[in-house]
PDB file of N, CA and C in Angstrom:
ATOM      1  N   UNK A   1      -2.901  72.560 -29.707  1.00  0.00           N
ATOM      2  CA  UNK A   1      -1.908  72.120 -30.679  1.00  0.00           C
ATOM      3  C   UNK A   1      -1.108  70.935 -30.145  1.00  0.00           C
ATOM      4  N   UNK A   2      -0.731  71.023 -28.868  1.00  0.00           N
ATOM      5  CA  UNK A   2       0.029  69.927 -28.268  1.00  0.00           C
ATOM      6  C   UNK A   2      -0.788  68.649 -28.258  1.00  0.00           C
ATOM      7  N   UNK A   3      -2.092  68.784 -28.013  1.00  0.00           N
ATOM      8  CA  UNK A   3      -2.975  67.619 -27.998  1.00  0.00           C
ATOM      9  C   UNK A   3      -3.009  66.950 -29.378  1.00  0.00           C
ATOM     10  N   UNK A   4      -3.088  67.770 -30.426  1.00  0.00           N
ATOM     11  CA  UNK A   4      -3.110  67.232 -31.786  1.00  0.00           C
ATOM     12  C   UNK A   4      -1.786  66.546 -32.099  1.00  0.00           C
ATOM     13  N   UNK A   5      -0.691  67.181 -31.726  1.00  0.00           N
ATOM     14  CA  UNK A   5       0.632  66.611 -31.982  1.00  0.00           C
ATOM     15  C   UNK A   5       0.787  65.269 -31.279  1.00  0.00           C
ATOM     16  N   UNK A   6       0.345  65.200 -30.041  1.00  0.00           N
ATOM     17  CA  UNK A   6       0.430  63.954 -29.285  1.00  0.00           C
ATOM     18  C   UNK A   6      -0.404  62.865 -29.961  1.00  0.00           C
ATOM     19  N   UNK A   7      -1.607  63.223 -30.383  1.00  0.00           N
ATOM     20  CA  UNK A   7      -2.477  62.246 -31.057  1.00  0.00           C
ATOM     21  C   UNK A   7      -1.837  61.752 -32.352  1.00  0.00           C
ATOM     22  N   UNK A   8      -1.336  62.670 -33.162  1.00  0.00           N
ATOM     23  CA  UNK A   8      -0.710  62.273 -34.430  1.00  0.00           C
ATOM     24  C   UNK A   8       0.501  61.384 -34.166  1.00  0.00           C
ATOM     25  N   UNK A   9       1.272  61.700 -33.143  1.00  0.00           N
ATOM     26  CA  UNK A   9       2.427  60.857 -32.813  1.00  0.00           C
ATOM     27  C   UNK A   9       1.998  59.442 -32.442  1.00  0.00           C
ATOM     28  N   UNK A  10       0.938  59.316 -31.657  1.00  0.00           N
ATOM     29  CA  UNK A  10       0.435  57.984 -31.320  1.00  0.00           C
ATOM     30  C   UNK A  10      -0.073  57.262 -32.559  1.00  0.00           C
ATOM     31  N   UNK A  11      -0.863  57.957 -33.369  1.00  0.00           N
ATOM     32  CA  UNK A  11      -1.378  57.328 -34.588  1.00  0.00           C
ATOM     33  C   UNK A  11      -0.229  56.901 -35.487  1.00  0.00           C
ATOM     34  N   UNK A  12       0.789  57.735 -35.585  1.00  0.00           N
ATOM     35  CA  UNK A  12       1.957  57.397 -36.387  1.00  0.00           C
ATOM     36  C   UNK A  12       2.622  56.140 -35.844  1.00  0.00           C
ATOM     37  N   UNK A  13       2.755  56.034 -34.536  1.00  0.00           N
ATOM     38  CA  UNK A  13       3.347  54.830 -33.934  1.00  0.00           C
ATOM     39  C   UNK A  13       2.577  53.572 -34.327  1.00  0.00           C
ATOM     40  N   UNK A  14       1.264  53.665 -34.300  1.00  0.00           N
ATOM     41  CA  UNK A  14       0.443  52.498 -34.595  1.00  0.00           C
ATOM     42  C   UNK A  14       0.388  52.150 -36.078  1.00  0.00           C
ATOM     43  N   UNK A  15       0.378  53.151 -36.938  1.00  0.00           N
ATOM     44  CA  UNK A  15       0.081  52.907 -38.355  1.00  0.00           C
ATOM     45  C   UNK A  15       1.212  53.235 -39.328  1.00  0.00           C
ATOM     46  N   UNK A  16       2.395  53.545 -38.837  1.00  0.00           N
ATOM     47  CA  UNK A  16       3.461  53.959 -39.743  1.00  0.00           C
ATOM     48  C   UNK A  16       3.833  52.897 -40.776  1.00  0.00           C
ATOM     49  N   UNK A  17       3.660  51.653 -40.454  1.00  0.00           N
ATOM     50  CA  UNK A  17       4.005  50.596 -41.412  1.00  0.00           C
ATOM     51  C   UNK A  17       3.066  50.586 -42.621  1.00  0.00           C
ATOM     52  N   UNK A  18       1.929  51.292 -42.522  1.00  0.00           N
ATOM     53  CA  UNK A  18       0.979  51.369 -43.631  1.00  0.00           C
ATOM     54  C   UNK A  18       1.265  52.551 -44.563  1.00  0.00           C
ATOM     55  N   UNK A  19       2.238  53.367 -44.197  1.00  0.00           N
ATOM     56  CA  UNK A  19       2.571  54.559 -44.980  1.00  0.00           C
ATOM     57  C   UNK A  19       3.681  54.270 -45.982  1.00  0.00           C
ATOM     58  N   UNK A  20       3.763  55.119 -46.995  1.00  0.00           N
ATOM     59  CA  UNK A  20       4.880  55.022 -47.939  1.00  0.00           C
ATOM     60  C   UNK A  20       6.130  55.560 -47.258  1.00  0.00           C
ATOM     61  N   UNK A  21       7.275  55.265 -47.846  1.00  0.00           N
ATOM     62  CA  UNK A  21       8.532  55.765 -47.281  1.00  0.00           C
ATOM     63  C   UNK A  21       8.532  57.289 -47.193  1.00  0.00           C
ATOM     64  N   UNK A  22       8.067  57.937 -48.243  1.00  0.00           N
ATOM     65  CA  UNK A  22       8.045  59.404 -48.286  1.00  0.00           C
ATOM     66  C   UNK A  22       7.130  59.960 -47.192  1.00  0.00           C
ATOM     67  N   UNK A  23       5.957  59.376 -47.034  1.00  0.00           N
ATOM     68  CA  UNK A  23       5.035  59.821 -45.985  1.00  0.00           C
ATOM     69  C   UNK A  23       5.664  59.633 -44.604  1.00  0.00           C
ATOM     70  N   UNK A  24       6.278  58.495 -44.411  1.00  0.00           N
ATOM     71  CA  UNK A  24       6.905  58.187 -43.122  1.00  0.00           C
ATOM     72  C   UNK A  24       8.024  59.180 -42.814  1.00  0.00           C
ATOM     73  N   UNK A  25       8.853  59.461 -43.804  1.00  0.00           N
ATOM     74  CA  UNK A  25       9.975  60.375 -43.601  1.00  0.00           C
ATOM     75  C   UNK A  25       9.477  61.774 -43.262  1.00  0.00           C
ATOM     76  N   UNK A  26       8.542  62.286 -44.055  1.00  0.00           N
ATOM     77  CA  UNK A  26       8.018  63.633 -43.797  1.00  0.00           C
ATOM     78  C   UNK A  26       7.389  63.728 -42.417  1.00  0.00           C
ATOM     79  N   UNK A  27       6.621  62.718 -42.027  1.00  0.00           N
ATOM     80  CA  UNK A  27       5.972  62.738 -40.714  1.00  0.00           C
ATOM     81  C   UNK A  27       6.996  62.667 -39.590  1.00  0.00           C
ATOM     82  N   UNK A  28       8.015  61.837 -39.754  1.00  0.00           N
ATOM     83  CA  UNK A  28       9.068  61.756 -38.736  1.00  0.00           C
ATOM     84  C   UNK A  28       9.776  63.090 -38.585  1.00  0.00           C
ATOM     85  N   UNK A  29      10.127  63.691 -39.706  1.00  0.00           N
ATOM     86  CA  UNK A  29      10.836  64.960 -39.649  1.00  0.00           C
ATOM     87  C   UNK A  29       9.966  66.063 -39.057  1.00  0.00           C
ATOM     88  N   UNK A  30       8.705  66.108 -39.438  1.00  0.00           N
ATOM     89  CA  UNK A  30       7.820  67.184 -38.987  1.00  0.00           C
ATOM     90  C   UNK A  30       7.378  66.993 -37.546  1.00  0.00           C
ATOM     91  N   UNK A  31       6.928  65.804 -37.193  1.00  0.00           N
ATOM     92  CA  UNK A  31       6.370  65.589 -35.862  1.00  0.00           C
ATOM     93  C   UNK A  31       7.388  65.107 -34.826  1.00  0.00           C
ATOM     94  N   UNK A  32       8.289  64.231 -35.215  1.00  0.00           N
ATOM     95  CA  UNK A  32       9.222  63.689 -34.225  1.00  0.00           C
ATOM     96  C   UNK A  32      10.481  64.538 -34.086  1.00  0.00           C
ATOM     97  N   UNK A  33      11.015  64.995 -35.228  1.00  0.00           N
ATOM     98  CA  UNK A  33      12.246  65.795 -35.189  1.00  0.00           C
ATOM     99  C   UNK A  33      11.967  67.292 -35.119  1.00  0.00           C
ATOM    100  N   UNK A  34      10.701  67.677 -35.230  1.00  0.00           N
ATOM    101  CA  UNK A  34      10.252  69.058 -35.094  1.00  0.00           C
ATOM    102  C   UNK A  34      10.890  70.004 -36.121  1.00  0.00           C
ATOM    103  N   UNK A  35      11.112  69.497 -37.339  1.00  0.00           N
ATOM    104  CA  UNK A  35      11.593  70.362 -38.411  1.00  0.00           C
ATOM    105  C   UNK A  35      10.414  71.138 -38.988  1.00  0.00           C
ATOM    106  N   UNK A  36      10.682  72.316 -39.492  1.00  0.00           N
ATOM    107  CA  UNK A  36       9.625  73.108 -40.114  1.00  0.00           C
ATOM    108  C   UNK A  36       9.364  72.586 -41.521  1.00  0.00           C
ATOM    109  N   UNK A  37       8.229  72.991 -42.074  1.00  0.00           N
ATOM    110  CA  UNK A  37       7.905  72.603 -43.448  1.00  0.00           C
ATOM    111  C   UNK A  37       8.983  73.104 -44.401  1.00  0.00           C
ATOM    112  N   UNK A  38       9.460  74.314 -44.173  1.00  0.00           N
ATOM    113  CA  UNK A  38      10.502  74.884 -45.012  1.00  0.00           C
ATOM    114  C   UNK A  38      11.803  74.102 -44.948  1.00  0.00           C
ATOM    115  N   UNK A  39      12.177  73.656 -43.762  1.00  0.00           N
ATOM    116  CA  UNK A  39      13.415  72.876 -43.604  1.00  0.00           C
ATOM    117  C   UNK A  39      13.309  71.540 -44.338  1.00  0.00           C
ATOM    118  N   UNK A  40      12.168  70.910 -44.236  1.00  0.00           N
ATOM    119  CA  UNK A  40      11.964  69.633 -44.926  1.00  0.00           C
ATOM    120  C   UNK A  40      11.984  69.858 -46.436  1.00  0.00           C
ATOM    121  N   UNK A  41      11.302  70.906 -46.876  1.00  0.00           N
ATOM    122  CA  UNK A  41      11.254  71.224 -48.308  1.00  0.00           C
ATOM    123  C   UNK A  41      12.655  71.460 -48.848  1.00  0.00           C
ATOM    124  N   UNK A  42      13.452  72.190 -48.117  1.00  0.00           N
ATOM    125  CA  UNK A  42      14.819  72.482 -48.547  1.00  0.00           C
ATOM    126  C   UNK A  42      15.650  71.202 -48.628  1.00  0.00           C
ATOM    127  N   UNK A  43      15.509  70.349 -47.632  1.00  0.00           N
ATOM    128  CA  UNK A  43      16.287  69.109 -47.602  1.00  0.00           C
ATOM    129  C   UNK A  43      15.933  68.179 -48.759  1.00  0.00           C
ATOM    130  N   UNK A  44      14.676  68.158 -49.158  1.00  0.00           N
ATOM    131  CA  UNK A  44      14.233  67.231 -50.207  1.00  0.00           C
ATOM    132  C   UNK A  44      13.987  67.905 -51.561  1.00  0.00           C
ATOM    133  N   UNK A  45      14.359  69.181 -51.655  1.00  0.00           N
ATOM    134  CA  UNK A  45      14.277  69.929 -52.916  1.00  0.00           C
ATOM    135  C   UNK A  45      12.870  69.913 -53.510  1.00  0.00           C
ATOM    136  N   UNK A  46      11.902  70.183 -52.641  1.00  0.00           N
ATOM    137  CA  UNK A  46      10.509  70.306 -53.064  1.00  0.00           C
ATOM    138  C   UNK A  46       9.974  71.606 -52.467  1.00  0.00           C
ATOM    139  N   UNK A  47       8.778  71.981 -52.869  1.00  0.00           N
ATOM    140  CA  UNK A  47       8.194  73.206 -52.318  1.00  0.00           C
ATOM    141  C   UNK A  47       7.658  72.958 -50.909  1.00  0.00           C
ATOM    142  N   UNK A  48       7.560  74.050 -50.174  1.00  0.00           N
ATOM    143  CA  UNK A  48       6.991  73.981 -48.832  1.00  0.00           C
ATOM    144  C   UNK A  48       5.544  73.487 -48.922  1.00  0.00           C
ATOM    145  N   UNK A  49       4.837  73.922 -49.959  1.00  0.00           N
ATOM    146  CA  UNK A  49       3.443  73.513 -50.168  1.00  0.00           C
ATOM    147  C   UNK A  49       3.333  72.007 -50.399  1.00  0.00           C
ATOM    148  N   UNK A  50       4.302  71.442 -51.113  1.00  0.00           N
ATOM    149  CA  UNK A  50       4.295  69.991 -51.361  1.00  0.00           C
ATOM    150  C   UNK A  50       4.436  69.224 -50.049  1.00  0.00           C
ATOM    151  N   UNK A  51       5.312  69.692 -49.187  1.00  0.00           N
ATOM    152  CA  UNK A  51       5.497  69.044 -47.880  1.00  0.00           C
ATOM    153  C   UNK A  51       4.220  69.191 -47.055  1.00  0.00           C
ATOM    154  N   UNK A  52       3.668  70.401 -47.035  1.00  0.00           N
ATOM    155  CA  UNK A  52       2.436  70.663 -46.284  1.00  0.00           C
ATOM    156  C   UNK A  52       1.314  69.735 -46.744  1.00  0.00           C
ATOM    157  N   UNK A  53       1.119  69.650 -48.054  1.00  0.00           N
ATOM    158  CA  UNK A  53       0.061  68.789 -48.602  1.00  0.00           C
ATOM    159  C   UNK A  53       0.281  67.331 -48.220  1.00  0.00           C
ATOM    160  N   UNK A  54       1.518  66.875 -48.302  1.00  0.00           N
ATOM    161  CA  UNK A  54       1.829  65.491 -47.964  1.00  0.00           C
ATOM    162  C   UNK A  54       1.545  65.218 -46.489  1.00  0.00           C
ATOM    163  N   UNK A  55       1.964  66.124 -45.619  1.00  0.00           N
ATOM    164  CA  UNK A  55       1.752  65.946 -44.180  1.00  0.00           C
ATOM    165  C   UNK A  55       0.261  65.941 -43.865  1.00  0.00           C
ATOM    166  N   UNK A  56      -0.506  66.858 -44.436  1.00  0.00           N
ATOM    167  CA  UNK A  56      -1.949  66.926 -44.165  1.00  0.00           C
ATOM    168  C   UNK A  56      -2.672  65.687 -44.689  1.00  0.00           C
ATOM    169  N   UNK A  57      -2.305  65.239 -45.885  1.00  0.00           N
ATOM    170  CA  UNK A  57      -2.929  64.019 -46.434  1.00  0.00           C
ATOM    171  C   UNK A  57      -2.593  62.814 -45.560  1.00  0.00           C
ATOM    172  N   UNK A  58      -1.359  62.759 -45.097  1.00  0.00           N
ATOM    173  CA  UNK A  58      -0.944  61.638 -44.250  1.00  0.00           C
ATOM    174  C   UNK A  58      -1.672  61.670 -42.916  1.00  0.00           C
ATOM    175  N   UNK A  59      -1.851  62.849 -42.344  1.00  0.00           N
ATOM    176  CA  UNK A  59      -2.629  62.967 -41.101  1.00  0.00           C
ATOM    177  C   UNK A  59      -4.045  62.433 -41.311  1.00  0.00           C
ATOM    178  N   UNK A  60      -4.651  62.800 -42.438  1.00  0.00           N
ATOM    179  CA  UNK A  60      -6.008  62.329 -42.742  1.00  0.00           C
ATOM    180  C   UNK A  60      -6.032  60.814 -42.902  1.00  0.00           C
ATOM    181  N   UNK A  61      -5.009  60.260 -43.526  1.00  0.00           N
ATOM    182  CA  UNK A  61      -4.925  58.800 -43.674  1.00  0.00           C
ATOM    183  C   UNK A  61      -4.817  58.129 -42.317  1.00  0.00           C
ATOM    184  N   UNK A  62      -3.981  58.687 -41.428  1.00  0.00           N
ATOM    185  CA  UNK A  62      -3.827  58.106 -40.090  1.00  0.00           C
ATOM    186  C   UNK A  62      -5.161  58.130 -39.342  1.00  0.00           C
ATOM    187  N   UNK A  63      -5.882  59.229 -39.462  1.00  0.00           N
ATOM    188  CA  UNK A  63      -7.196  59.319 -38.809  1.00  0.00           C
ATOM    189  C   UNK A  63      -8.169  58.298 -39.410  1.00  0.00           C
ATOM    190  N   UNK A  64      -8.086  58.101 -40.712  1.00  0.00           N
ATOM    191  CA  UNK A  64      -8.951  57.123 -41.376  1.00  0.00           C
ATOM    192  C   UNK A  64      -8.617  55.700 -40.909  1.00  0.00           C
ATOM    193  N   UNK A  65      -7.328  55.395 -40.813  1.00  0.00           N
ATOM    194  CA  UNK A  65      -6.928  54.075 -40.300  1.00  0.00           C
ATOM    195  C   UNK A  65      -7.462  53.875 -38.882  1.00  0.00           C
ATOM    196  N   UNK A  66      -7.361  54.913 -38.061  1.00  0.00           N
ATOM    197  CA  UNK A  66      -7.837  54.809 -36.681  1.00  0.00           C
ATOM    198  C   UNK A  66      -9.350  54.618 -36.642  1.00  0.00           C
ATOM    199  N   UNK A  67     -10.075  55.299 -37.499  1.00  0.00           N
ATOM    200  CA  UNK A  67     -11.532  55.150 -37.523  1.00  0.00           C
ATOM    201  C   UNK A  67     -11.926  53.718 -37.876  1.00  0.00           C
ATOM    202  N   UNK A  68     -11.121  53.079 -38.685  1.00  0.00           N
ATOM    203  CA  UNK A  68     -11.442  51.710 -39.111  1.00  0.00           C
ATOM    204  C   UNK A  68     -10.893  50.645 -38.155  1.00  0.00           C
ATOM    205  N   UNK A  69      -9.682  50.835 -37.680  1.00  0.00           N
ATOM    206  CA  UNK A  69      -9.021  49.793 -36.884  1.00  0.00           C
ATOM    207  C   UNK A  69      -9.055  50.037 -35.379  1.00  0.00           C
ATOM    208  N   UNK A  70      -9.130  51.285 -34.985  1.00  0.00           N
ATOM    209  CA  UNK A  70      -9.246  51.686 -33.578  1.00  0.00           C
ATOM    210  C   UNK A  70      -8.139  51.153 -32.671  1.00  0.00           C
ATOM    211  N   UNK A  71      -6.936  51.037 -33.164  1.00  0.00           N
ATOM    212  CA  UNK A  71      -5.834  50.555 -32.345  1.00  0.00           C
ATOM    213  C   UNK A  71      -5.485  51.526 -31.217  1.00  0.00           C
ATOM    214  N   UNK A  72      -5.491  52.820 -31.524  1.00  0.00           N
ATOM    215  CA  UNK A  72      -5.179  53.822 -30.506  1.00  0.00           C
ATOM    216  C   UNK A  72      -6.268  53.863 -29.434  1.00  0.00           C
ATOM    217  N   UNK A  73      -7.521  53.806 -29.845  1.00  0.00           N
ATOM    218  CA  UNK A  73      -8.622  53.829 -28.886  1.00  0.00           C
ATOM    219  C   UNK A  73      -8.555  52.614 -27.954  1.00  0.00           C
ATOM    220  N   UNK A  74      -8.274  51.449 -28.511  1.00  0.00           N
ATOM    221  CA  UNK A  74      -8.151  50.241 -27.688  1.00  0.00           C
ATOM    222  C   UNK A  74      -6.966  50.346 -26.742  1.00  0.00           C
ATOM    223  N   UNK A  75      -5.876  50.950 -27.221  1.00  0.00           N
ATOM    224  CA  UNK A  75      -4.703  51.173 -26.372  1.00  0.00           C
ATOM    225  C   UNK A  75      -5.057  52.069 -25.189  1.00  0.00           C
ATOM    226  N   UNK A  76      -5.787  53.158 -25.461  1.00  0.00           N
ATOM    227  CA  UNK A  76      -6.192  54.073 -24.387  1.00  0.00           C
ATOM    228  C   UNK A  76      -7.084  53.359 -23.379  1.00  0.00           C
ATOM    229  N   UNK A  77      -8.007  52.535 -23.864  1.00  0.00           N
ATOM    230  CA  UNK A  77      -8.895  51.804 -22.959  1.00  0.00           C
ATOM    231  C   UNK A  77      -8.106  50.843 -22.076  1.00  0.00           C
ATOM    232  N   UNK A  78      -7.165  50.108 -22.691  1.00  0.00           N
ATOM    233  CA  UNK A  78      -6.336  49.182 -21.908  1.00  0.00           C
ATOM    234  C   UNK A  78      -5.525  49.930 -20.864  1.00  0.00           C
ATOM    235  N   UNK A  79      -4.949  51.054 -21.255  1.00  0.00           N
ATOM    236  CA  UNK A  79      -4.136  51.838 -20.338  1.00  0.00           C
ATOM    237  C   UNK A  79      -4.969  52.323 -19.158  1.00  0.00           C
ATOM    238  N   UNK A  80      -6.190  52.768 -19.434  1.00  0.00           N
ATOM    239  CA  UNK A  80      -7.079  53.231 -18.373  1.00  0.00           C
ATOM    240  C   UNK A  80      -7.413  52.100 -17.407  1.00  0.00           C
ATOM    241  N   UNK A  81      -7.715  50.926 -17.939  1.00  0.00           N
ATOM    242  CA  UNK A  81      -8.047  49.784 -17.089  1.00  0.00           C
ATOM    243  C   UNK A  81      -6.837  49.372 -16.254  1.00  0.00           C
ATOM    244  N   UNK A  82      -5.679  49.359 -16.860  1.00  0.00           N
ATOM    245  CA  UNK A  82      -4.450  48.996 -16.134  1.00  0.00           C
ATOM    246  C   UNK A  82      -4.177  50.000 -15.023  1.00  0.00           C
ATOM    247  N   UNK A  83      -4.337  51.294 -15.320  1.00  0.00           N
ATOM    248  CA  UNK A  83      -4.126  52.321 -14.294  1.00  0.00           C
ATOM    249  C   UNK A  83      -5.082  52.140 -13.120  1.00  0.00           C
ATOM    250  N   UNK A  84      -6.345  51.860 -13.436  1.00  0.00           N
ATOM    251  CA  UNK A  84      -7.331  51.641 -12.373  1.00  0.00           C
ATOM    252  C   UNK A  84      -6.963  50.411 -11.549  1.00  0.00           C
ATOM    253  N   UNK A  85      -6.541  49.360 -12.215  1.00  0.00           N
ATOM    254  CA  UNK A  85      -6.161  48.135 -11.521  1.00  0.00           C
ATOM    255  C   UNK A  85      -4.947  48.374 -10.626  1.00  0.00           C
ATOM    256  N   UNK A  86      -3.952  49.077 -11.156  1.00  0.00           N
ATOM    257  CA  UNK A  86      -2.763  49.376 -10.348  1.00  0.00           C
ATOM    258  C   UNK A  86      -3.124  50.215  -9.131  1.00  0.00           C
ATOM    259  N   UNK A  87      -3.999  51.187  -9.306  1.00  0.00           N
ATOM    260  CA  UNK A  87      -4.437  52.010  -8.177  1.00  0.00           C
ATOM    261  C   UNK A  87      -5.162  51.153  -7.146  1.00  0.00           C
ATOM    262  N   UNK A  88      -6.001  50.298  -7.624  1.00  0.00           N
ATOM    263  CA  UNK A  88      -6.764  49.416  -6.742  1.00  0.00           C
ATOM    264  C   UNK A  88      -5.820  48.521  -5.929  1.00  0.00           C
ATOM    265  N   UNK A  89      -4.837  47.955  -6.596  1.00  0.00           N
ATOM    266  CA  UNK A  89      -3.916  47.048  -5.912  1.00  0.00           C
ATOM    267  C   UNK A  89      -2.927  47.796  -5.025  1.00  0.00           C
ATOM    268  N   UNK A  90      -2.568  49.026  -5.398  1.00  0.00           N
ATOM    269  CA  UNK A  90      -1.631  49.789  -4.573  1.00  0.00           C
ATOM    270  C   UNK A  90      -2.274  50.275  -3.284  1.00  0.00           C
ATOM    271  N   UNK A  91      -3.596  50.285  -3.259  1.00  0.00           N
ATOM    272  CA  UNK A  91      -4.304  50.647  -2.035  1.00  0.00           C
ATOM    273  C   UNK A  91      -4.253  49.517  -1.009  1.00  0.00           C
ATOM    274  N   UNK A  92      -3.561  48.433  -1.351  1.00  0.00           N
ATOM    275  CA  UNK A  92      -3.398  47.323  -0.420  1.00  0.00           C
ATOM    276  C   UNK A  92      -4.583  46.390  -0.353  1.00  0.00           C
ATOM    277  N   UNK A  93      -5.478  46.506  -1.294  1.00  0.00           N
ATOM    278  CA  UNK A  93      -6.660  45.665  -1.273  1.00  0.00           C
ATOM    279  C   UNK A  93      -6.363  44.338  -1.959  1.00  0.00           C
ATOM    280  N   UNK A  94      -7.021  43.332  -1.484  1.00  0.00           N
ATOM    281  CA  UNK A  94      -6.883  42.006  -2.081  1.00  0.00           C
ATOM    282  C   UNK A  94      -7.588  42.000  -3.439  1.00  0.00           C
ATOM    283  N   UNK A  95      -7.431  40.918  -4.147  1.00  0.00           N
ATOM    284  CA  UNK A  95      -8.064  40.776  -5.451  1.00  0.00           C
ATOM    285  C   UNK A  95      -9.569  40.639  -5.249  1.00  0.00           C
ATOM    286  N   UNK A  96     -10.240  41.746  -5.356  1.00  0.00           N
ATOM    287  CA  UNK A  96     -11.675  41.791  -5.123  1.00  0.00           C
ATOM    288  C   UNK A  96     -12.417  41.568  -6.431  1.00  0.00           C
ATOM    289  N   UNK A  97     -13.709  41.625  -6.342  1.00  0.00           N
ATOM    290  CA  UNK A  97     -14.537  41.491  -7.544  1.00  0.00           C
ATOM    291  C   UNK A  97     -14.214  42.602  -8.529  1.00  0.00           C
ATOM    292  N   UNK A  98     -13.952  43.827  -8.030  1.00  0.00           N
ATOM    293  CA  UNK A  98     -13.596  44.955  -8.901  1.00  0.00           C
ATOM    294  C   UNK A  98     -12.288  44.672  -9.642  1.00  0.00           C
ATOM    295  N   UNK A  99     -11.293  44.165  -8.924  1.00  0.00           N
ATOM    296  CA  UNK A  99     -10.009  43.858  -9.554  1.00  0.00           C
ATOM    297  C   UNK A  99     -10.162  42.725 -10.565  1.00  0.00           C
ATOM    298  N   UNK A 100     -10.938  41.733 -10.222  1.00  0.00           N
ATOM    299  CA  UNK A 100     -11.169  40.622 -11.146  1.00  0.00           C
ATOM    300  C   UNK A 100     -11.875  41.124 -12.397  1.00  0.00           C
ATOM    301  N   UNK A 101     -12.813  42.032 -12.230  1.00  0.00           N
ATOM    302  CA  UNK A 101     -13.522  42.613 -13.364  1.00  0.00           C
ATOM    303  C   UNK A 101     -12.563  43.401 -14.255  1.00  0.00           C
ATOM    304  N   UNK A 102     -11.672  44.160 -13.645  1.00  0.00           N
ATOM    305  CA  UNK A 102     -10.688  44.928 -14.405  1.00  0.00           C
ATOM    306  C   UNK A 102      -9.759  44.004 -15.195  1.00  0.00           C
ATOM    307  N   UNK A 103      -9.357  42.912 -14.577  1.00  0.00           N
ATOM    308  CA  UNK A 103      -8.505  41.947 -15.283  1.00  0.00           C
ATOM    309  C   UNK A 103      -9.235  41.356 -16.486  1.00  0.00           C
ATOM    310  N   UNK A 104     -10.511  41.031 -16.325  1.00  0.00           N
ATOM    311  CA  UNK A 104     -11.301  40.523 -17.449  1.00  0.00           C
ATOM    312  C   UNK A 104     -11.383  41.556 -18.575  1.00  0.00           C
ATOM    313  N   UNK A 105     -11.531  42.825 -18.200  1.00  0.00           N
ATOM    314  CA  UNK A 105     -11.584  43.892 -19.203  1.00  0.00           C
ATOM    315  C   UNK A 105     -10.288  43.960 -20.008  1.00  0.00           C
ATOM    316  N   UNK A 106      -9.178  43.816 -19.325  1.00  0.00           N
ATOM    317  CA  UNK A 106      -7.882  43.810 -20.027  1.00  0.00           C
ATOM    318  C   UNK A 106      -7.820  42.664 -21.014  1.00  0.00           C
ATOM    319  N   UNK A 107      -8.238  41.498 -20.569  1.00  0.00           N
ATOM    320  CA  UNK A 107      -8.213  40.328 -21.443  1.00  0.00           C
ATOM    321  C   UNK A 107      -9.118  40.508 -22.646  1.00  0.00           C
ATOM    322  N   UNK A 108     -10.259  41.147 -22.455  1.00  0.00           N
ATOM    323  CA  UNK A 108     -11.188  41.394 -23.564  1.00  0.00           C
ATOM    324  C   UNK A 108     -10.582  42.325 -24.597  1.00  0.00           C
ATOM    325  N   UNK A 109      -9.790  43.287 -24.175  1.00  0.00           N
ATOM    326  CA  UNK A 109      -9.195  44.268 -25.091  1.00  0.00           C
ATOM    327  C   UNK A 109      -8.003  43.706 -25.846  1.00  0.00           C
ATOM    328  N   UNK A 110      -7.467  42.612 -25.395  1.00  0.00           N
ATOM    329  CA  UNK A 110      -6.342  41.981 -26.111  1.00  0.00           C
ATOM    330  C   UNK A 110      -6.875  40.995 -27.071  1.00  0.00           C
TER     331      UNK A 110
END
């Protein structure tokens, strides 16, 4: 569950500008502020089922955006390359062919 929540939070960070105001608000309240479906429903005078449906549809939209644009996947790849490069350089090694290759990989992902 935590893994799913983390993924949805990242996808939300990348794609929230593509959502409607209502979708954005419900997702912020549910995932970022950790409100329950019932609490959100009460605050907005709608049924719990309406909030649930909206959140699930929005999650599916975020996954669809990611499948098409792959911003999160590219972010993960860049982060991995940067981590490897930092580890390589923290070992006190000079800029070797491996480090140069990692730098090229970063540039390719941007």
